[in-house]
Amino acid sequence: MKNFGIMIMLFGFSQIALAETRNACFSVEGMTCTTCTVTTKAAVKKLNGIKDIQVSLNEKSAVIKYDDALTSSDEIKKKIDSVGYKATSKQCDKG
């Protein structure tokens, strides 16, 4: 039983080690004012694993840094869509 506990701990640590911070970038249709950006940020921040979010009204876009062990770009897209905007995944700019 003791060995089983050790195996469980090692498995948990290996999952943590495999987690990676990723960027998800979206075009966001339907934002018309600064309240829209605040609404988008607040919704996405409710997801586990969100490290940073930048939303631009001028560019109609969102860039989110997240822990891929806790959430996914699909979940982020669903969350943005759930507050009334249409998120479309796009390639993140390098830089």
PDB file of N, CA and C in Angstrom:
ATOM      1  N   MET A   1       0.827  -1.194   0.000  1.00  0.00           N
ATOM      2  CA  MET A   1       0.000   0.000   0.000  1.00  0.00           C
ATOM      3  C   MET A   1       0.870   1.257   0.000  1.00  0.00           C
ATOM      4  N   LYS A   2       1.987   1.191   0.703  1.00  0.00           N
ATOM      5  CA  LYS A   2       2.896   2.332   0.757  1.00  0.00           C
ATOM      6  C   LYS A   2       3.447   2.649  -0.634  1.00  0.00           C
ATOM      7  N   ASN A   3       3.804   1.593  -1.395  1.00  0.00           N
ATOM      8  CA  ASN A   3       4.309   1.788  -2.755  1.00  0.00           C
ATOM      9  C   ASN A   3       3.252   2.414  -3.654  1.00  0.00           C
ATOM     10  N   PHE A   4       1.988   2.048  -3.444  1.00  0.00           N
ATOM     11  CA  PHE A   4       0.898   2.615  -4.230  1.00  0.00           C
ATOM     12  C   PHE A   4       0.799   4.123  -3.997  1.00  0.00           C
ATOM     13  N   GLY A   5       0.927   4.521  -2.744  1.00  0.00           N
ATOM     14  CA  GLY A   5       0.893   5.951  -2.408  1.00  0.00           C
ATOM     15  C   GLY A   5       2.032   6.709  -3.059  1.00  0.00           C
ATOM     16  N   ILE A   6       3.202   6.104  -3.085  1.00  0.00           N
ATOM     17  CA  ILE A   6       4.362   6.734  -3.718  1.00  0.00           C
ATOM     18  C   ILE A   6       4.125   6.864  -5.221  1.00  0.00           C
ATOM     19  N   MET A   7       3.533   5.822  -5.832  1.00  0.00           N
ATOM     20  CA  MET A   7       3.248   5.880  -7.264  1.00  0.00           C
ATOM     21  C   MET A   7       2.251   6.993  -7.578  1.00  0.00           C
ATOM     22  N   ILE A   8       1.252   7.154  -6.731  1.00  0.00           N
ATOM     23  CA  ILE A   8       0.258   8.213  -6.931  1.00  0.00           C
ATOM     24  C   ILE A   8       0.928   9.575  -6.849  1.00  0.00           C
ATOM     25  N   MET A   9       1.811   9.758  -5.855  1.00  0.00           N
ATOM     26  CA  MET A   9       2.514  11.036  -5.709  1.00  0.00           C
ATOM     27  C   MET A   9       3.380  11.321  -6.936  1.00  0.00           C
ATOM     28  N   LEU A  10       4.101  10.324  -7.416  1.00  0.00           N
ATOM     29  CA  LEU A  10       4.955  10.517  -8.579  1.00  0.00           C
ATOM     30  C   LEU A  10       4.131  10.854  -9.816  1.00  0.00           C
ATOM     31  N   PHE A  11       2.986  10.194  -9.967  1.00  0.00           N
ATOM     32  CA  PHE A  11       2.115  10.489 -11.096  1.00  0.00           C
ATOM     33  C   PHE A  11       1.637  11.938 -11.024  1.00  0.00           C
ATOM     34  N   GLY A  12       1.240  12.383  -9.842  1.00  0.00           N
ATOM     35  CA  GLY A  12       0.789  13.765  -9.661  1.00  0.00           C
ATOM     36  C   GLY A  12       1.886  14.759  -9.995  1.00  0.00           C
ATOM     37  N   PHE A  13       3.100  14.489  -9.554  1.00  0.00           N
ATOM     38  CA  PHE A  13       4.217  15.379  -9.856  1.00  0.00           C
ATOM     39  C   PHE A  13       4.527  15.389 -11.339  1.00  0.00           C
ATOM     40  N   SER A  14       4.408  14.231 -12.004  1.00  0.00           N
ATOM     41  CA  SER A  14       4.696  14.203 -13.435  1.00  0.00           C
ATOM     42  C   SER A  14       3.659  15.006 -14.206  1.00  0.00           C
ATOM     43  N   GLN A  15       2.414  15.033 -13.743  1.00  0.00           N
ATOM     44  CA  GLN A  15       1.382  15.837 -14.392  1.00  0.00           C
ATOM     45  C   GLN A  15       1.689  17.318 -14.243  1.00  0.00           C
ATOM     46  N   ILE A  16       2.158  17.707 -13.073  1.00  0.00           N
ATOM     47  CA  ILE A  16       2.528  19.104 -12.845  1.00  0.00           C
ATOM     48  C   ILE A  16       3.696  19.479 -13.758  1.00  0.00           C
ATOM     49  N   ALA A  17       4.658  18.592 -13.886  1.00  0.00           N
ATOM     50  CA  ALA A  17       5.824  18.870 -14.714  1.00  0.00           C
ATOM     51  C   ALA A  17       5.442  18.994 -16.183  1.00  0.00           C
ATOM     52  N   LEU A  18       4.392  18.304 -16.611  1.00  0.00           N
ATOM     53  CA  LEU A  18       3.979  18.348 -17.997  1.00  0.00           C
ATOM     54  C   LEU A  18       3.141  19.584 -18.328  1.00  0.00           C
ATOM     55  N   ALA A  19       2.639  20.260 -17.311  1.00  0.00           N
ATOM     56  CA  ALA A  19       1.827  21.459 -17.538  1.00  0.00           C
ATOM     57  C   ALA A  19       2.699  22.534 -18.183  1.00  0.00           C
ATOM     58  N   GLU A  20       2.091  23.262 -19.076  1.00  0.00           N
ATOM     59  CA  GLU A  20       2.829  24.282 -19.800  1.00  0.00           C
ATOM     60  C   GLU A  20       1.973  25.533 -19.941  1.00  0.00           C
ATOM     61  N   THR A  21       2.620  26.689 -19.873  1.00  0.00           N
ATOM     62  CA  THR A  21       1.906  27.931 -20.124  1.00  0.00           C
ATOM     63  C   THR A  21       1.825  28.126 -21.633  1.00  0.00           C
ATOM     64  N   ARG A  22       0.615  28.364 -22.093  1.00  0.00           N
ATOM     65  CA  ARG A  22       0.365  28.558 -23.523  1.00  0.00           C
ATOM     66  C   ARG A  22      -0.326  29.891 -23.735  1.00  0.00           C
ATOM     67  N   ASN A  23      -0.310  30.331 -24.971  1.00  0.00           N
ATOM     68  CA  ASN A  23      -1.053  31.527 -25.381  1.00  0.00           C
ATOM     69  C   ASN A  23      -2.201  31.108 -26.278  1.00  0.00           C
ATOM     70  N   ALA A  24      -3.343  31.730 -26.070  1.00  0.00           N
ATOM     71  CA  ALA A  24      -4.479  31.570 -26.974  1.00  0.00           C
ATOM     72  C   ALA A  24      -4.834  32.962 -27.476  1.00  0.00           C
ATOM     73  N   CYS A  25      -4.987  33.091 -28.773  1.00  0.00           N
ATOM     74  CA  CYS A  25      -5.304  34.380 -29.374  1.00  0.00           C
ATOM     75  C   CYS A  25      -6.609  34.267 -30.147  1.00  0.00           C
ATOM     76  N   PHE A  26      -7.453  35.284 -30.001  1.00  0.00           N
ATOM     77  CA  PHE A  26      -8.771  35.267 -30.609  1.00  0.00           C
ATOM     78  C   PHE A  26      -9.101  36.614 -31.223  1.00  0.00           C
ATOM     79  N   SER A  27      -9.813  36.578 -32.329  1.00  0.00           N
ATOM     80  CA  SER A  27     -10.544  37.742 -32.816  1.00  0.00           C
ATOM     81  C   SER A  27     -11.861  37.690 -32.060  1.00  0.00           C
ATOM     82  N   VAL A  28     -12.336  38.844 -31.582  1.00  0.00           N
ATOM     83  CA  VAL A  28     -13.575  38.862 -30.798  1.00  0.00           C
ATOM     84  C   VAL A  28     -14.546  39.838 -31.447  1.00  0.00           C
ATOM     85  N   GLU A  29     -15.590  39.296 -32.056  1.00  0.00           N
ATOM     86  CA  GLU A  29     -16.618  40.110 -32.697  1.00  0.00           C
ATOM     87  C   GLU A  29     -17.688  40.490 -31.684  1.00  0.00           C
ATOM     88  N   GLY A  30     -18.216  41.705 -31.834  1.00  0.00           N
ATOM     89  CA  GLY A  30     -19.335  42.138 -31.005  1.00  0.00           C
ATOM     90  C   GLY A  30     -18.967  43.103 -29.890  1.00  0.00           C
ATOM     91  N   MET A  31     -17.672  43.330 -29.673  1.00  0.00           N
ATOM     92  CA  MET A  31     -17.269  44.291 -28.643  1.00  0.00           C
ATOM     93  C   MET A  31     -17.409  45.700 -29.204  1.00  0.00           C
ATOM     94  N   THR A  32     -18.123  46.557 -28.472  1.00  0.00           N
ATOM     95  CA  THR A  32     -18.365  47.918 -28.962  1.00  0.00           C
ATOM     96  C   THR A  32     -17.927  49.011 -27.985  1.00  0.00           C
ATOM     97  N   CYS A  33     -17.562  48.623 -26.750  1.00  0.00           N
ATOM     98  CA  CYS A  33     -17.198  49.643 -25.754  1.00  0.00           C
ATOM     99  C   CYS A  33     -16.243  49.041 -24.730  1.00  0.00           C
ATOM    100  N   THR A  34     -15.712  49.892 -23.871  1.00  0.00           N
ATOM    101  CA  THR A  34     -14.757  49.408 -22.877  1.00  0.00           C
ATOM    102  C   THR A  34     -15.403  48.433 -21.886  1.00  0.00           C
ATOM    103  N   THR A  35     -16.694  48.564 -21.669  1.00  0.00           N
ATOM    104  CA  THR A  35     -17.379  47.610 -20.792  1.00  0.00           C
ATOM    105  C   THR A  35     -17.305  46.201 -21.378  1.00  0.00           C
ATOM    106  N   CYS A  36     -17.316  46.107 -22.694  1.00  0.00           N
ATOM    107  CA  CYS A  36     -17.198  44.807 -23.357  1.00  0.00           C
ATOM    108  C   CYS A  36     -15.862  44.142 -23.015  1.00  0.00           C
ATOM    109  N   THR A  37     -14.795  44.925 -22.991  1.00  0.00           N
ATOM    110  CA  THR A  37     -13.489  44.349 -22.662  1.00  0.00           C
ATOM    111  C   THR A  37     -13.446  43.902 -21.213  1.00  0.00           C
ATOM    112  N   VAL A  38     -14.039  44.691 -20.329  1.00  0.00           N
ATOM    113  CA  VAL A  38     -14.091  44.332 -18.902  1.00  0.00           C
ATOM    114  C   VAL A  38     -14.910  43.052 -18.718  1.00  0.00           C
ATOM    115  N   THR A  39     -16.028  42.948 -19.410  1.00  0.00           N
ATOM    116  CA  THR A  39     -16.886  41.761 -19.328  1.00  0.00           C
ATOM    117  C   THR A  39     -16.134  40.527 -19.806  1.00  0.00           C
ATOM    118  N   THR A  40     -15.425  40.660 -20.908  1.00  0.00           N
ATOM    119  CA  THR A  40     -14.659  39.540 -21.461  1.00  0.00           C
ATOM    120  C   THR A  40     -13.579  39.095 -20.484  1.00  0.00           C
ATOM    121  N   LYS A  41     -12.821  40.058 -19.956  1.00  0.00           N
ATOM    122  CA  LYS A  41     -11.765  39.725 -18.992  1.00  0.00           C
ATOM    123  C   LYS A  41     -12.325  39.033 -17.761  1.00  0.00           C
ATOM    124  N   ALA A  42     -13.406  39.574 -17.212  1.00  0.00           N
ATOM    125  CA  ALA A  42     -13.986  39.004 -15.991  1.00  0.00           C
ATOM    126  C   ALA A  42     -14.457  37.571 -16.221  1.00  0.00           C
ATOM    127  N   ALA A  43     -15.051  37.318 -17.367  1.00  0.00           N
ATOM    128  CA  ALA A  43     -15.550  35.965 -17.663  1.00  0.00           C
ATOM    129  C   ALA A  43     -14.397  34.976 -17.783  1.00  0.00           C
ATOM    130  N   VAL A  44     -13.380  35.343 -18.549  1.00  0.00           N
ATOM    131  CA  VAL A  44     -12.261  34.432 -18.780  1.00  0.00           C
ATOM    132  C   VAL A  44     -11.482  34.182 -17.493  1.00  0.00           C
ATOM    133  N   LYS A  45     -11.333  35.199 -16.660  1.00  0.00           N
ATOM    134  CA  LYS A  45     -10.595  35.046 -15.398  1.00  0.00           C
ATOM    135  C   LYS A  45     -11.251  34.052 -14.451  1.00  0.00           C
ATOM    136  N   LYS A  46     -12.524  33.738 -14.662  1.00  0.00           N
ATOM    137  CA  LYS A  46     -13.212  32.758 -13.816  1.00  0.00           C
ATOM    138  C   LYS A  46     -12.749  31.328 -14.096  1.00  0.00           C
ATOM    139  N   LEU A  47     -12.116  31.115 -15.240  1.00  0.00           N
ATOM    140  CA  LEU A  47     -11.600  29.784 -15.558  1.00  0.00           C
ATOM    141  C   LEU A  47     -10.341  29.505 -14.751  1.00  0.00           C
ATOM    142  N   ASN A  48     -10.184  28.272 -14.314  1.00  0.00           N
ATOM    143  CA  ASN A  48      -8.953  27.865 -13.633  1.00  0.00           C
ATOM    144  C   ASN A  48      -7.796  27.891 -14.622  1.00  0.00           C
ATOM    145  N   GLY A  49      -6.642  28.331 -14.156  1.00  0.00           N
ATOM    146  CA  GLY A  49      -5.436  28.276 -14.974  1.00  0.00           C
ATOM    147  C   GLY A  49      -5.137  29.509 -15.803  1.00  0.00           C
ATOM    148  N   ILE A  50      -5.976  30.539 -15.702  1.00  0.00           N
ATOM    149  CA  ILE A  50      -5.719  31.760 -16.470  1.00  0.00           C
ATOM    150  C   ILE A  50      -4.624  32.546 -15.761  1.00  0.00           C
ATOM    151  N   LYS A  51      -3.555  32.858 -16.493  1.00  0.00           N
ATOM    152  CA  LYS A  51      -2.429  33.588 -15.915  1.00  0.00           C
ATOM    153  C   LYS A  51      -2.461  35.065 -16.276  1.00  0.00           C
ATOM    154  N   ASP A  52      -2.930  35.373 -17.490  1.00  0.00           N
ATOM    155  CA  ASP A  52      -2.982  36.765 -17.933  1.00  0.00           C
ATOM    156  C   ASP A  52      -3.964  36.858 -19.091  1.00  0.00           C
ATOM    157  N   ILE A  53      -4.623  38.006 -19.186  1.00  0.00           N
ATOM    158  CA  ILE A  53      -5.524  38.245 -20.318  1.00  0.00           C
ATOM    159  C   ILE A  53      -5.427  39.701 -20.728  1.00  0.00           C
ATOM    160  N   GLN A  54      -5.268  39.904 -22.009  1.00  0.00           N
ATOM    161  CA  GLN A  54      -5.248  41.245 -22.596  1.00  0.00           C
ATOM    162  C   GLN A  54      -6.358  41.292 -23.644  1.00  0.00           C
ATOM    163  N   VAL A  55      -7.249  42.257 -23.510  1.00  0.00           N
ATOM    164  CA  VAL A  55      -8.352  42.408 -24.461  1.00  0.00           C
ATOM    165  C   VAL A  55      -8.251  43.805 -25.066  1.00  0.00           C
ATOM    166  N   SER A  56      -8.303  43.864 -26.397  1.00  0.00           N
ATOM    167  CA  SER A  56      -8.198  45.143 -27.103  1.00  0.00           C
ATOM    168  C   SER A  56      -9.502  45.438 -27.829  1.00  0.00           C
ATOM    169  N   LEU A  57     -10.109  46.567 -27.473  1.00  0.00           N
ATOM    170  CA  LEU A  57     -11.313  47.012 -28.163  1.00  0.00           C
ATOM    171  C   LEU A  57     -10.961  47.459 -29.580  1.00  0.00           C
ATOM    172  N   ASN A  58      -9.861  48.205 -29.733  1.00  0.00           N
ATOM    173  CA  ASN A  58      -9.459  48.702 -31.055  1.00  0.00           C
ATOM    174  C   ASN A  58      -9.168  47.582 -32.039  1.00  0.00           C
ATOM    175  N   GLU A  59      -8.496  46.544 -31.556  1.00  0.00           N
ATOM    176  CA  GLU A  59      -8.136  45.430 -32.432  1.00  0.00           C
ATOM    177  C   GLU A  59      -9.185  44.324 -32.432  1.00  0.00           C
ATOM    178  N   LYS A  60     -10.199  44.466 -31.554  1.00  0.00           N
ATOM    179  CA  LYS A  60     -11.237  43.428 -31.425  1.00  0.00           C
ATOM    180  C   LYS A  60     -10.589  42.063 -31.230  1.00  0.00           C
ATOM    181  N   SER A  61      -9.705  41.996 -30.207  1.00  0.00           N
ATOM    182  CA  SER A  61      -8.954  40.768 -30.000  1.00  0.00           C
ATOM    183  C   SER A  61      -8.720  40.499 -28.517  1.00  0.00           C
ATOM    184  N   ALA A  62      -8.340  39.256 -28.247  1.00  0.00           N
ATOM    185  CA  ALA A  62      -7.975  38.853 -26.882  1.00  0.00           C
ATOM    186  C   ALA A  62      -6.775  37.920 -26.972  1.00  0.00           C
ATOM    187  N   VAL A  63      -5.830  38.122 -26.057  1.00  0.00           N
ATOM    188  CA  VAL A  63      -4.665  37.252 -25.931  1.00  0.00           C
ATOM    189  C   VAL A  63      -4.642  36.771 -24.487  1.00  0.00           C
ATOM    190  N   ILE A  64      -4.646  35.454 -24.324  1.00  0.00           N
ATOM    191  CA  ILE A  64      -4.749  34.860 -22.993  1.00  0.00           C
ATOM    192  C   ILE A  64      -3.586  33.909 -22.774  1.00  0.00           C
ATOM    193  N   LYS A  65      -2.887  34.057 -21.628  1.00  0.00           N
ATOM    194  CA  LYS A  65      -1.878  33.093 -21.192  1.00  0.00           C
ATOM    195  C   LYS A  65      -2.561  32.178 -20.197  1.00  0.00           C
ATOM    196  N   TYR A  66      -2.399  30.873 -20.396  1.00  0.00           N
ATOM    197  CA  TYR A  66      -3.078  29.922 -19.527  1.00  0.00           C
ATOM    198  C   TYR A  66      -2.246  28.673 -19.290  1.00  0.00           C
ATOM    199  N   ASP A  67      -2.561  27.979 -18.220  1.00  0.00           N
ATOM    200  CA  ASP A  67      -1.936  26.707 -17.864  1.00  0.00           C
ATOM    201  C   ASP A  67      -2.719  25.605 -18.564  1.00  0.00           C
ATOM    202  N   ASP A  68      -2.072  24.911 -19.496  1.00  0.00           N
ATOM    203  CA  ASP A  68      -2.791  23.921 -20.294  1.00  0.00           C
ATOM    204  C   ASP A  68      -3.182  22.664 -19.525  1.00  0.00           C
ATOM    205  N   ALA A  69      -2.714  22.526 -18.296  1.00  0.00           N
ATOM    206  CA  ALA A  69      -3.154  21.402 -17.462  1.00  0.00           C
ATOM    207  C   ALA A  69      -4.495  21.715 -16.790  1.00  0.00           C
ATOM    208  N   LEU A  70      -4.879  22.990 -16.778  1.00  0.00           N
ATOM    209  CA  LEU A  70      -6.093  23.399 -16.067  1.00  0.00           C
ATOM    210  C   LEU A  70      -7.220  23.863 -16.976  1.00  0.00           C
ATOM    211  N   THR A  71      -6.898  24.316 -18.174  1.00  0.00           N
ATOM    212  CA  THR A  71      -7.934  24.745 -19.117  1.00  0.00           C
ATOM    213  C   THR A  71      -7.400  24.599 -20.533  1.00  0.00           C
ATOM    214  N   SER A  72      -8.211  24.971 -21.499  1.00  0.00           N
ATOM    215  CA  SER A  72      -7.812  24.827 -22.907  1.00  0.00           C
ATOM    216  C   SER A  72      -8.298  26.033 -23.699  1.00  0.00           C
ATOM    217  N   SER A  73      -7.773  26.186 -24.894  1.00  0.00           N
ATOM    218  CA  SER A  73      -8.232  27.291 -25.729  1.00  0.00           C
ATOM    219  C   SER A  73      -9.704  27.111 -26.095  1.00  0.00           C
ATOM    220  N   ASP A  74     -10.159  25.876 -26.228  1.00  0.00           N
ATOM    221  CA  ASP A  74     -11.587  25.635 -26.503  1.00  0.00           C
ATOM    222  C   ASP A  74     -12.467  26.126 -25.357  1.00  0.00           C
ATOM    223  N   GLU A  75     -12.040  25.879 -24.130  1.00  0.00           N
ATOM    224  CA  GLU A  75     -12.804  26.350 -22.964  1.00  0.00           C
ATOM    225  C   GLU A  75     -12.809  27.875 -22.898  1.00  0.00           C
ATOM    226  N   ILE A  76     -11.691  28.485 -23.232  1.00  0.00           N
ATOM    227  CA  ILE A  76     -11.613  29.949 -23.236  1.00  0.00           C
ATOM    228  C   ILE A  76     -12.562  30.516 -24.291  1.00  0.00           C
ATOM    229  N   LYS A  77     -12.555  29.925 -25.486  1.00  0.00           N
ATOM    230  CA  LYS A  77     -13.455  30.364 -26.555  1.00  0.00           C
ATOM    231  C   LYS A  77     -14.904  30.254 -26.107  1.00  0.00           C
ATOM    232  N   LYS A  78     -15.266  29.127 -25.506  1.00  0.00           N
ATOM    233  CA  LYS A  78     -16.641  28.926 -25.025  1.00  0.00           C
ATOM    234  C   LYS A  78     -17.023  29.986 -23.997  1.00  0.00           C
ATOM    235  N   LYS A  79     -16.084  30.335 -23.128  1.00  0.00           N
ATOM    236  CA  LYS A  79     -16.360  31.339 -22.091  1.00  0.00           C
ATOM    237  C   LYS A  79     -16.597  32.708 -22.720  1.00  0.00           C
ATOM    238  N   ILE A  80     -15.780  33.091 -23.696  1.00  0.00           N
ATOM    239  CA  ILE A  80     -15.987  34.377 -24.377  1.00  0.00           C
ATOM    240  C   ILE A  80     -17.337  34.375 -25.095  1.00  0.00           C
ATOM    241  N   ASP A  81     -17.634  33.295 -25.791  1.00  0.00           N
ATOM    242  CA  ASP A  81     -18.913  33.187 -26.498  1.00  0.00           C
ATOM    243  C   ASP A  81     -20.096  33.252 -25.527  1.00  0.00           C
ATOM    244  N   SER A  82     -19.916  32.706 -24.328  1.00  0.00           N
ATOM    245  CA  SER A  82     -21.020  32.633 -23.356  1.00  0.00           C
ATOM    246  C   SER A  82     -21.463  34.001 -22.846  1.00  0.00           C
ATOM    247  N   VAL A  83     -20.609  35.020 -22.991  1.00  0.00           N
ATOM    248  CA  VAL A  83     -20.997  36.364 -22.539  1.00  0.00           C
ATOM    249  C   VAL A  83     -21.441  37.256 -23.696  1.00  0.00           C
ATOM    250  N   GLY A  84     -21.698  36.635 -24.853  1.00  0.00           N
ATOM    251  CA  GLY A  84     -22.338  37.364 -25.939  1.00  0.00           C
ATOM    252  C   GLY A  84     -21.461  37.814 -27.087  1.00  0.00           C
ATOM    253  N   TYR A  85     -20.193  37.415 -27.105  1.00  0.00           N
ATOM    254  CA  TYR A  85     -19.305  37.790 -28.187  1.00  0.00           C
ATOM    255  C   TYR A  85     -18.970  36.544 -28.997  1.00  0.00           C
ATOM    256  N   LYS A  86     -18.397  36.738 -30.167  1.00  0.00           N
ATOM    257  CA  LYS A  86     -18.014  35.598 -30.991  1.00  0.00           C
ATOM    258  C   LYS A  86     -16.506  35.566 -31.092  1.00  0.00           C
ATOM    259  N   ALA A  87     -15.921  34.570 -30.435  1.00  0.00           N
ATOM    260  CA  ALA A  87     -14.472  34.408 -30.458  1.00  0.00           C
ATOM    261  C   ALA A  87     -14.080  33.450 -31.570  1.00  0.00           C
ATOM    262  N   THR A  88     -13.079  33.863 -32.351  1.00  0.00           N
ATOM    263  CA  THR A  88     -12.531  33.018 -33.404  1.00  0.00           C
ATOM    264  C   THR A  88     -11.037  32.891 -33.159  1.00  0.00           C
ATOM    265  N   SER A  89     -10.581  31.668 -33.029  1.00  0.00           N
ATOM    266  CA  SER A  89      -9.166  31.428 -32.779  1.00  0.00           C
ATOM    267  C   SER A  89      -8.324  31.956 -33.944  1.00  0.00           C
ATOM    268  N   LYS A  90      -7.184  32.551 -33.601  1.00  0.00           N
ATOM    269  CA  LYS A  90      -6.269  33.035 -34.628  1.00  0.00           C
ATOM    270  C   LYS A  90      -4.855  32.769 -34.156  1.00  0.00           C
ATOM    271  N   GLN A  91      -3.916  32.828 -35.075  1.00  0.00           N
ATOM    272  CA  GLN A  91      -2.508  32.617 -34.734  1.00  0.00           C
ATOM    273  C   GLN A  91      -2.017  33.821 -33.921  1.00  0.00           C
ATOM    274  N   CYS A  92      -1.308  33.524 -32.866  1.00  0.00           N
ATOM    275  CA  CYS A  92      -0.744  34.601 -32.044  1.00  0.00           C
ATOM    276  C   CYS A  92       0.454  35.223 -32.764  1.00  0.00           C
ATOM    277  N   ASP A  93       0.563  36.541 -32.623  1.00  0.00           N
ATOM    278  CA  ASP A  93       1.720  37.240 -33.182  1.00  0.00           C
ATOM    279  C   ASP A  93       2.953  36.841 -32.409  1.00  0.00           C
ATOM    280  N   LYS A  94       4.042  36.688 -33.105  1.00  0.00           N
ATOM    281  CA  LYS A  94       5.322  36.407 -32.430  1.00  0.00           C
ATOM    282  C   LYS A  94       5.861  37.733 -31.931  1.00  0.00           C
ATOM    283  N   GLY A  95       6.497  37.647 -30.768  1.00  0.00           N
ATOM    284  CA  GLY A  95       7.071  38.896 -30.302  1.00  0.00           C
ATOM    285  C   GLY A  95       6.983  38.992 -28.880  1.00  0.00           C
TER     286      GLY A  95
END
